[in-house]
Amino acid sequence: MRLFVRDSQRRPDPPPVKTDDRKAVLTGIGAWAVALVVVLVFFSPISEPDQRWLLWVSVVGLLLGFAGLIYTIRRRK
């Protein structure tokens, strides 16, 4: 196995694959939404100050997911 190949021996790059990144982002948003619902259902047992980070992690995950969705929609246009 060679780590370096001369340009003359190198095969051409394949064409880029067209994907729909929105599906992946929407799946992630759905997962964070489910996590938020689970945290809210069990919020009374985890209402201690050292357990509130679970709520904020799921909220920030949703916000970043929506930011990613906006980015993918703008990039597609």
Protein backbone atom coordinates (compact mmCIF):
# COMPACT_ATOMS: atom_id res chain seq x y z
CA MET A 1 0.00 0.00 0.00
CA ARG A 2 1.35 3.38 -1.00
CA LEU A 3 0.52 6.53 0.89
CA PHE A 4 1.45 8.93 -1.87
CA VAL A 5 0.50 8.61 -5.53
CA ARG A 6 1.86 10.74 -8.33
CA ASP A 7 -0.62 12.94 -10.15
CA SER A 8 -0.01 11.04 -13.36
CA GLN A 9 -1.06 7.76 -11.68
CA ARG A 10 -4.04 9.17 -9.87
CA ARG A 11 -7.59 8.35 -10.96
CA PRO A 12 -9.99 11.28 -11.49
CA ASP A 13 -12.23 12.32 -8.62
CA PRO A 14 -15.79 10.97 -8.75
CA PRO A 15 -18.60 13.46 -9.30
CA PRO A 16 -20.16 14.82 -6.10
CA VAL A 17 -23.24 13.01 -4.81
CA LYS A 18 -26.40 15.08 -4.57
CA THR A 19 -28.00 14.67 -1.16
CA ASP A 20 -30.92 16.19 0.69
CA ASP A 21 -29.36 17.45 3.90
CA ARG A 22 -32.71 18.69 5.16
CA LYS A 23 -33.80 15.13 5.95
CA ALA A 24 -30.81 14.58 8.22
CA VAL A 25 -31.32 17.92 9.97
CA LEU A 26 -35.05 17.29 10.42
CA THR A 27 -34.28 13.86 11.90
CA GLY A 28 -31.95 15.50 14.41
CA ILE A 29 -34.56 18.14 15.28
CA GLY A 30 -37.08 15.37 15.83
CA ALA A 31 -34.69 13.54 18.14
CA TRP A 32 -34.09 16.70 20.19
CA ALA A 33 -37.84 17.33 20.34
CA VAL A 34 -38.40 13.82 21.71
CA ALA A 35 -35.62 14.40 24.24
CA LEU A 36 -37.25 17.67 25.31
CA VAL A 37 -40.62 15.96 25.79
CA VAL A 38 -39.02 13.21 27.87
CA VAL A 39 -37.24 15.78 30.02
CA LEU A 40 -40.43 17.78 30.51
CA VAL A 41 -42.43 14.68 31.45
CA PHE A 42 -39.88 13.73 34.08
CA PHE A 43 -39.03 17.32 35.07
CA SER A 44 -40.27 17.08 38.65
CA PRO A 45 -37.75 14.39 39.62
CA ILE A 46 -34.94 16.27 37.88
CA SER A 47 -35.88 19.73 39.10
CA GLU A 48 -32.84 19.74 41.33
CA PRO A 49 -30.36 22.48 40.34
CA ASP A 50 -27.66 20.04 39.27
CA GLN A 51 -30.04 18.26 36.84
CA ARG A 52 -31.50 21.27 34.98
CA TRP A 53 -28.79 21.05 32.37
CA LEU A 54 -30.80 18.26 30.73
CA LEU A 55 -33.55 20.74 29.88
CA TRP A 56 -31.13 23.30 28.48
CA VAL A 57 -29.20 20.78 26.42
CA SER A 58 -32.36 19.71 24.61
CA VAL A 59 -33.49 23.34 24.08
CA VAL A 60 -30.10 24.33 22.66
CA GLY A 61 -30.11 21.21 20.48
CA LEU A 62 -33.44 22.29 19.01
CA LEU A 63 -32.22 25.85 18.42
CA LEU A 64 -29.05 24.66 16.71
CA GLY A 65 -31.10 22.24 14.64
CA PHE A 66 -33.32 25.04 13.39
CA ALA A 67 -30.23 27.13 12.62
CA GLY A 68 -28.85 24.20 10.65
CA LEU A 69 -32.14 23.85 8.80
CA ILE A 70 -32.07 27.51 7.79
CA TYR A 71 -28.47 27.08 6.64
CA THR A 72 -29.24 24.04 4.51
CA ILE A 73 -32.27 25.72 2.91
CA ARG A 74 -30.25 28.84 2.04
CA ARG A 75 -27.33 26.79 0.73
CA ARG A 76 -29.63 24.77 -1.50
CA LYS A 77 -30.93 27.93 -3.21
